[in-house]
């Protein structure tokens, strides 16, 4: 009995458009042909055929890689973009920082203590000034 392998994750299955190629592969191969073949005919008259074919191959290889290369579900241009970000855009040194909740609580406790001391000083000053007013009032009333 013949068995057909069916992938368990159907999101990884890519729809084939023509000649068992995906739309992305067709576009990349087509653009590679549009660039490489005219280049071959332009260069062939000036250099040997083998040099023209090698130059055509070197020009078409990036298109082939864009069409076929994929690592961890990412196409080549996304991999190159990530590499560019890591090496040129992001800082080289990334210090490890955490949000220490215990330190925040300690700072808040210190601030609460300072506020309590300020309020207590204000209350004692207020009581002293009220005593002075009462004494002045008593002296004026005598």
N, C-alpha and C. Protein backbone atom coordinates (compact mmCIF):
# COMPACT_ATOMS: atom_id res chain seq x y z
N UNK A 1 0.84 -1.18 0.00
CA UNK A 1 0.00 0.00 0.00
C UNK A 1 0.89 1.24 0.00
N UNK A 2 0.58 2.24 -0.80
CA UNK A 2 1.38 3.46 -0.93
C UNK A 2 1.01 4.45 0.17
N UNK A 3 2.03 5.12 0.69
CA UNK A 3 1.81 6.12 1.73
C UNK A 3 2.19 7.50 1.20
N UNK A 4 1.42 8.48 1.59
CA UNK A 4 1.69 9.86 1.21
C UNK A 4 2.02 10.64 2.48
N UNK A 5 3.20 11.26 2.53
CA UNK A 5 3.53 12.02 3.74
C UNK A 5 2.69 13.30 3.83
N UNK A 6 2.04 13.49 4.95
CA UNK A 6 1.23 14.69 5.19
C UNK A 6 1.85 15.43 6.36
N UNK A 7 2.24 16.69 6.17
CA UNK A 7 2.83 17.43 7.28
C UNK A 7 1.79 17.70 8.37
N UNK A 8 2.25 17.68 9.61
CA UNK A 8 1.34 17.92 10.73
C UNK A 8 0.99 19.39 10.84
N UNK A 9 1.93 20.27 10.51
CA UNK A 9 1.68 21.70 10.55
C UNK A 9 1.36 22.18 9.14
N UNK A 10 0.10 22.46 8.88
CA UNK A 10 -0.32 22.83 7.54
C UNK A 10 0.01 24.28 7.19
N UNK A 11 0.44 25.08 8.18
CA UNK A 11 0.82 26.46 7.87
C UNK A 11 2.15 26.51 7.14
N UNK A 12 2.96 25.47 7.25
CA UNK A 12 4.26 25.42 6.58
C UNK A 12 4.12 25.01 5.11
N UNK A 13 2.95 24.56 4.71
CA UNK A 13 2.74 24.15 3.33
C UNK A 13 2.55 25.40 2.48
N UNK A 14 3.31 25.48 1.38
CA UNK A 14 3.22 26.63 0.49
C UNK A 14 2.50 26.21 -0.78
N UNK A 15 1.62 27.09 -1.25
CA UNK A 15 0.86 26.76 -2.44
C UNK A 15 1.73 26.92 -3.67
N UNK A 16 1.65 25.95 -4.54
CA UNK A 16 2.42 25.94 -5.79
C UNK A 16 1.56 26.57 -6.87
N UNK A 17 2.16 27.43 -7.68
CA UNK A 17 1.42 28.15 -8.71
C UNK A 17 1.58 27.46 -10.06
N UNK A 18 2.84 27.29 -10.47
CA UNK A 18 3.11 26.73 -11.80
C UNK A 18 4.44 25.98 -11.76
N UNK A 19 4.49 24.85 -12.44
CA UNK A 19 5.70 24.03 -12.52
C UNK A 19 6.23 23.65 -11.13
N UNK A 20 5.33 23.47 -10.19
CA UNK A 20 5.67 23.10 -8.81
C UNK A 20 6.55 24.16 -8.14
N UNK A 21 6.37 25.42 -8.51
CA UNK A 21 7.08 26.54 -7.92
C UNK A 21 6.08 27.50 -7.27
N UNK A 22 6.51 28.13 -6.21
CA UNK A 22 5.65 29.11 -5.56
C UNK A 22 5.70 30.43 -6.33
N UNK A 23 4.79 31.33 -5.97
CA UNK A 23 4.75 32.63 -6.64
C UNK A 23 6.05 33.40 -6.39
N UNK A 24 6.58 33.31 -5.20
CA UNK A 24 7.83 33.98 -4.87
C UNK A 24 8.97 33.45 -5.74
N UNK A 25 9.05 32.14 -5.89
CA UNK A 25 10.11 31.54 -6.70
C UNK A 25 9.97 31.94 -8.17
N UNK A 26 8.76 31.96 -8.67
CA UNK A 26 8.55 32.37 -10.06
C UNK A 26 8.98 33.81 -10.29
N UNK A 27 8.65 34.71 -9.36
CA UNK A 27 9.02 36.12 -9.50
C UNK A 27 10.54 36.27 -9.45
N UNK A 28 11.18 35.60 -8.51
CA UNK A 28 12.64 35.72 -8.38
C UNK A 28 13.36 35.11 -9.58
N UNK A 29 12.94 33.94 -10.02
CA UNK A 29 13.58 33.33 -11.18
C UNK A 29 13.35 34.17 -12.44
N UNK A 30 12.12 34.70 -12.58
CA UNK A 30 11.81 35.54 -13.74
C UNK A 30 12.65 36.81 -13.76
N UNK A 31 12.79 37.45 -12.62
CA UNK A 31 13.61 38.67 -12.58
C UNK A 31 15.09 38.33 -12.81
N UNK A 32 15.54 37.19 -12.34
CA UNK A 32 16.91 36.76 -12.60
C UNK A 32 17.15 36.54 -14.08
N UNK A 33 16.17 35.93 -14.75
CA UNK A 33 16.29 35.71 -16.20
C UNK A 33 16.27 37.04 -16.94
N UNK A 34 15.40 37.97 -16.49
CA UNK A 34 15.31 39.27 -17.15
C UNK A 34 16.60 40.08 -17.02
N UNK A 35 17.35 39.85 -15.97
CA UNK A 35 18.62 40.57 -15.79
C UNK A 35 19.78 39.79 -16.41
N UNK A 36 19.82 38.48 -16.22
CA UNK A 36 20.98 37.69 -16.62
C UNK A 36 21.13 37.43 -18.11
N UNK A 37 20.03 37.10 -18.77
CA UNK A 37 20.12 36.74 -20.19
C UNK A 37 20.53 37.94 -21.06
N UNK A 38 19.92 39.13 -20.91
CA UNK A 38 20.42 40.27 -21.70
C UNK A 38 21.87 40.62 -21.39
N UNK A 39 22.26 40.46 -20.13
CA UNK A 39 23.66 40.72 -19.77
C UNK A 39 24.59 39.77 -20.52
N UNK A 40 24.19 38.51 -20.64
CA UNK A 40 25.00 37.52 -21.37
C UNK A 40 25.19 37.96 -22.82
N UNK A 41 24.10 38.35 -23.49
CA UNK A 41 24.21 38.72 -24.90
C UNK A 41 24.97 40.02 -25.10
N UNK A 42 24.90 40.94 -24.12
CA UNK A 42 25.66 42.18 -24.24
C UNK A 42 27.16 41.96 -24.04
N UNK A 43 27.50 41.08 -23.11
CA UNK A 43 28.92 40.85 -22.79
C UNK A 43 29.57 39.87 -23.77
N UNK A 44 28.78 38.98 -24.38
CA UNK A 44 29.31 37.92 -25.24
C UNK A 44 30.12 38.47 -26.42
N UNK A 45 29.71 39.62 -26.92
CA UNK A 45 30.42 40.17 -28.08
C UNK A 45 31.77 40.77 -27.69
N UNK A 46 31.95 41.14 -26.43
CA UNK A 46 33.19 41.78 -26.00
C UNK A 46 34.20 40.80 -25.37
N UNK A 47 33.69 39.76 -24.70
CA UNK A 47 34.57 38.76 -24.05
C UNK A 47 34.18 37.38 -24.56
N UNK A 48 34.88 36.37 -24.07
CA UNK A 48 34.59 35.00 -24.51
C UNK A 48 33.23 34.55 -23.96
N UNK A 49 32.71 33.49 -24.57
CA UNK A 49 31.41 32.96 -24.17
C UNK A 49 31.46 32.43 -22.74
N UNK A 50 32.55 31.79 -22.37
CA UNK A 50 32.65 31.25 -21.00
C UNK A 50 32.69 32.38 -19.97
N UNK A 51 33.38 33.47 -20.27
CA UNK A 51 33.41 34.61 -19.34
C UNK A 51 32.03 35.25 -19.25
N UNK A 52 31.33 35.33 -20.37
CA UNK A 52 29.98 35.91 -20.37
C UNK A 52 29.02 35.03 -19.58
N UNK A 53 29.16 33.71 -19.74
CA UNK A 53 28.25 32.82 -18.99
C UNK A 53 28.55 32.85 -17.49
N UNK A 54 29.83 32.96 -17.12
CA UNK A 54 30.18 33.05 -15.70
C UNK A 54 29.64 34.35 -15.11
N UNK A 55 29.75 35.44 -15.85
CA UNK A 55 29.22 36.71 -15.35
C UNK A 55 27.70 36.64 -15.22
N UNK A 56 27.03 35.98 -16.17
CA UNK A 56 25.58 35.81 -16.09
C UNK A 56 25.21 35.00 -14.85
N UNK A 57 25.95 33.94 -14.59
CA UNK A 57 25.67 33.10 -13.42
C UNK A 57 25.87 33.90 -12.14
N UNK A 58 26.94 34.68 -12.06
CA UNK A 58 27.19 35.48 -10.85
C UNK A 58 26.11 36.53 -10.62
N UNK A 59 25.55 37.06 -11.70
CA UNK A 59 24.47 38.04 -11.56
C UNK A 59 23.17 37.36 -11.16
N UNK A 60 22.95 36.14 -11.61
CA UNK A 60 21.69 35.45 -11.33
C UNK A 60 21.67 34.72 -9.99
N UNK A 61 22.82 34.47 -9.38
CA UNK A 61 22.87 33.73 -8.11
C UNK A 61 22.09 34.45 -6.99
N UNK A 62 22.19 35.78 -6.82
CA UNK A 62 21.40 36.40 -5.77
C UNK A 62 19.89 36.20 -5.93
N UNK A 63 19.40 36.22 -7.17
CA UNK A 63 17.98 35.98 -7.40
C UNK A 63 17.61 34.55 -7.02
N UNK A 64 18.48 33.61 -7.36
CA UNK A 64 18.25 32.21 -6.99
C UNK A 64 18.22 32.06 -5.47
N UNK A 65 19.16 32.70 -4.79
CA UNK A 65 19.19 32.61 -3.32
C UNK A 65 17.95 33.24 -2.70
N UNK A 66 17.50 34.38 -3.24
CA UNK A 66 16.28 35.00 -2.72
C UNK A 66 15.07 34.09 -2.90
N UNK A 67 15.07 33.32 -3.98
CA UNK A 67 13.94 32.44 -4.25
C UNK A 67 13.96 31.18 -3.39
N UNK A 68 15.15 30.60 -3.17
CA UNK A 68 15.21 29.26 -2.59
C UNK A 68 15.65 29.20 -1.12
N UNK A 69 16.52 30.10 -0.70
CA UNK A 69 17.10 29.98 0.65
C UNK A 69 16.09 30.40 1.70
N UNK A 70 15.95 29.56 2.70
CA UNK A 70 15.06 29.83 3.81
C UNK A 70 15.60 29.13 5.04
N UNK A 71 15.69 29.85 6.15
CA UNK A 71 16.18 29.26 7.38
C UNK A 71 15.22 29.62 8.50
N UNK A 72 14.78 28.63 9.23
CA UNK A 72 13.84 28.80 10.33
C UNK A 72 12.58 29.54 9.88
N UNK A 73 12.15 29.28 8.66
CA UNK A 73 10.94 29.90 8.16
C UNK A 73 11.11 31.33 7.69
N UNK A 74 12.33 31.86 7.70
CA UNK A 74 12.58 33.22 7.26
C UNK A 74 13.27 33.22 5.91
N UNK A 75 12.78 34.02 4.97
CA UNK A 75 13.47 34.12 3.68
C UNK A 75 14.77 34.91 3.82
N UNK A 76 15.58 34.88 2.78
CA UNK A 76 16.92 35.46 2.82
C UNK A 76 16.91 36.95 3.14
N UNK A 77 15.98 37.71 2.56
CA UNK A 77 16.01 39.16 2.80
C UNK A 77 15.71 39.50 4.25
N UNK A 78 14.88 38.72 4.92
CA UNK A 78 14.62 38.97 6.34
C UNK A 78 15.83 38.60 7.19
N UNK A 79 16.51 37.54 6.81
CA UNK A 79 17.73 37.16 7.53
C UNK A 79 18.79 38.24 7.37
N UNK A 80 18.96 38.75 6.14
CA UNK A 80 19.94 39.82 5.91
C UNK A 80 19.55 41.10 6.65
N UNK A 81 18.25 41.40 6.69
CA UNK A 81 17.79 42.59 7.43
C UNK A 81 18.09 42.45 8.92
N UNK A 82 17.87 41.25 9.48
CA UNK A 82 18.17 41.03 10.89
C UNK A 82 19.66 41.15 11.17
N UNK A 83 20.49 40.61 10.28
CA UNK A 83 21.95 40.72 10.45
C UNK A 83 22.37 42.19 10.40
N UNK A 84 21.81 42.96 9.45
CA UNK A 84 22.13 44.37 9.34
C UNK A 84 21.73 45.12 10.60
N UNK A 85 20.56 44.81 11.15
CA UNK A 85 20.12 45.47 12.39
C UNK A 85 21.06 45.17 13.54
N UNK A 86 21.46 43.92 13.66
CA UNK A 86 22.31 43.52 14.79
C UNK A 86 23.68 44.19 14.71
N UNK A 87 24.27 44.22 13.54
CA UNK A 87 25.64 44.72 13.42
C UNK A 87 25.74 46.23 13.25
N UNK A 88 24.72 46.88 12.68
CA UNK A 88 24.87 48.30 12.37
C UNK A 88 23.89 49.21 13.10
N UNK A 89 22.69 48.78 13.37
CA UNK A 89 21.70 49.67 13.94
C UNK A 89 21.58 49.58 15.46
N UNK A 90 21.67 48.40 15.99
CA UNK A 90 21.51 48.21 17.43
C UNK A 90 22.82 48.51 18.15
N UNK A 91 22.74 48.92 19.42
CA UNK A 91 23.99 49.15 20.17
C UNK A 91 24.74 47.85 20.39
N UNK A 92 26.07 47.95 20.39
CA UNK A 92 26.89 46.75 20.54
C UNK A 92 26.77 46.17 21.95
N UNK A 93 26.70 47.06 22.90
CA UNK A 93 26.66 46.62 24.29
C UNK A 93 25.27 46.87 24.83
N UNK A 94 24.63 45.82 25.30
CA UNK A 94 23.30 45.96 25.87
C UNK A 94 23.36 45.55 27.33
N UNK A 95 23.38 46.52 28.23
CA UNK A 95 23.47 46.17 29.66
C UNK A 95 22.19 45.47 30.12
N UNK A 96 22.40 44.56 31.01
CA UNK A 96 21.27 43.81 31.55
C UNK A 96 20.64 44.63 32.66
N UNK A 97 19.40 44.99 32.48
CA UNK A 97 18.70 45.78 33.47
C UNK A 97 17.41 45.07 33.84
N UNK A 98 17.11 45.10 35.12
CA UNK A 98 15.87 44.50 35.59
C UNK A 98 15.07 45.55 36.34
N UNK A 99 13.81 45.31 36.46
CA UNK A 99 12.97 46.14 37.30
C UNK A 99 12.89 45.46 38.66
N UNK A 100 13.72 45.94 39.59
CA UNK A 100 13.79 45.33 40.91
C UNK A 100 12.65 45.89 41.75
N UNK A 101 11.63 45.09 41.94
CA UNK A 101 10.46 45.54 42.67
C UNK A 101 10.78 45.79 44.14
N UNK A 102 11.68 45.00 44.69
CA UNK A 102 12.07 45.18 46.10
C UNK A 102 12.74 46.54 46.30
N UNK A 103 13.61 46.96 45.36
CA UNK A 103 14.26 48.26 45.46
C UNK A 103 13.24 49.39 45.35
N UNK A 104 12.24 49.22 44.53
CA UNK A 104 11.19 50.23 44.40
C UNK A 104 10.44 50.36 45.72
N UNK A 105 10.15 49.23 46.34
CA UNK A 105 9.46 49.27 47.63
C UNK A 105 10.31 49.93 48.70
N UNK A 106 11.61 49.67 48.70
CA UNK A 106 12.51 50.31 49.67
C UNK A 106 12.54 51.82 49.47
N UNK A 107 12.64 52.27 48.22
CA UNK A 107 12.65 53.71 47.94
C UNK A 107 11.34 54.35 48.38
N UNK A 108 10.24 53.67 48.13
CA UNK A 108 8.94 54.20 48.53
C UNK A 108 8.84 54.29 50.05
N UNK A 109 9.38 53.31 50.75
CA UNK A 109 9.36 53.33 52.22
C UNK A 109 10.18 54.50 52.75
N UNK A 110 11.36 54.75 52.15
CA UNK A 110 12.19 55.89 52.57
C UNK A 110 11.46 57.20 52.32
N UNK A 111 10.81 57.31 51.16
CA UNK A 111 10.06 58.53 50.86
C UNK A 111 8.90 58.73 51.83
N UNK A 112 8.23 57.64 52.19
CA UNK A 112 7.14 57.73 53.16
C UNK A 112 7.65 58.21 54.52
N UNK A 113 8.82 57.70 54.93
CA UNK A 113 9.41 58.13 56.20
C UNK A 113 9.75 59.62 56.16
N UNK A 114 10.32 60.08 55.06
CA UNK A 114 10.66 61.50 54.92
C UNK A 114 9.41 62.36 54.99
N UNK A 115 8.34 61.92 54.33
CA UNK A 115 7.09 62.67 54.37
C UNK A 115 6.54 62.72 55.79
N UNK A 116 6.61 61.61 56.51
CA UNK A 116 6.13 61.58 57.90
C UNK A 116 6.92 62.55 58.77
N UNK A 117 8.25 62.58 58.58
CA UNK A 117 9.08 63.49 59.37
C UNK A 117 8.75 64.94 59.04
N UNK A 118 8.54 65.25 57.78
CA UNK A 118 8.19 66.62 57.39
C UNK A 118 6.85 67.02 57.99
N UNK A 119 5.89 66.12 57.96
CA UNK A 119 4.57 66.40 58.51
C UNK A 119 4.67 66.59 60.02
N UNK A 120 5.47 65.76 60.69
CA UNK A 120 5.63 65.90 62.13
C UNK A 120 6.28 67.23 62.48
N UNK A 121 7.30 67.64 61.74
CA UNK A 121 7.95 68.93 61.98
C UNK A 121 6.96 70.07 61.76
N UNK A 122 6.16 69.95 60.71
CA UNK A 122 5.17 70.99 60.43
C UNK A 122 4.13 71.05 61.53
N UNK A 123 3.73 69.90 62.05
CA UNK A 123 2.74 69.87 63.14
C UNK A 123 3.32 70.49 64.41
N UNK A 124 4.58 70.16 64.71
CA UNK A 124 5.17 70.73 65.93
C UNK A 124 5.36 72.23 65.78
N UNK A 125 5.74 72.72 64.61
CA UNK A 125 5.85 74.16 64.37
C UNK A 125 4.49 74.83 64.47
N UNK A 126 3.49 74.16 63.92
CA UNK A 126 2.13 74.71 63.97
C UNK A 126 1.63 74.79 65.40
N UNK A 127 1.95 73.80 66.21
CA UNK A 127 1.53 73.83 67.61
C UNK A 127 2.25 74.93 68.36
N UNK A 128 3.54 75.12 68.08
CA UNK A 128 4.30 76.18 68.74
C UNK A 128 3.77 77.55 68.35
N UNK A 129 3.44 77.74 67.07
CA UNK A 129 2.93 79.04 66.65
C UNK A 129 1.53 79.27 67.21
N UNK A 130 0.74 78.22 67.36
CA UNK A 130 -0.58 78.37 67.97
C UNK A 130 -0.45 78.74 69.43
N UNK A 131 0.53 78.17 70.11
CA UNK A 131 0.75 78.51 71.52
C UNK A 131 1.15 79.98 71.65
N UNK A 132 2.03 80.43 70.72
CA UNK A 132 2.46 81.82 70.74
C UNK A 132 1.30 82.76 70.48
N UNK A 133 0.40 82.39 69.59
CA UNK A 133 -0.76 83.22 69.28
C UNK A 133 -1.69 83.26 70.49
N UNK A 134 -1.86 82.11 71.12
CA UNK A 134 -2.73 82.07 72.30
C UNK A 134 -2.16 82.96 73.40
N UNK A 135 -0.87 82.95 73.59
CA UNK A 135 -0.25 83.76 74.63
C UNK A 135 -0.39 85.25 74.30
N UNK A 136 -0.19 85.57 73.02
CA UNK A 136 -0.34 86.97 72.63
C UNK A 136 -1.78 87.41 72.82
N UNK A 137 -2.69 86.53 72.45
CA UNK A 137 -4.10 86.85 72.59
C UNK A 137 -4.48 87.02 74.06
N UNK A 138 -3.91 86.17 74.92
CA UNK A 138 -4.20 86.28 76.35
C UNK A 138 -3.61 87.55 76.91
N UNK A 139 -2.41 87.91 76.42
CA UNK A 139 -1.76 89.13 76.93
C UNK A 139 -2.55 90.37 76.46
N UNK A 140 -3.09 90.35 75.27
CA UNK A 140 -3.83 91.50 74.75
C UNK A 140 -5.17 91.58 75.47
N UNK A 141 -5.72 90.45 75.87
CA UNK A 141 -7.03 90.44 76.53
C UNK A 141 -6.94 90.83 77.98
N UNK A 142 -5.80 90.89 78.61
CA UNK A 142 -5.69 91.23 80.03
C UNK A 142 -5.81 92.63 80.28
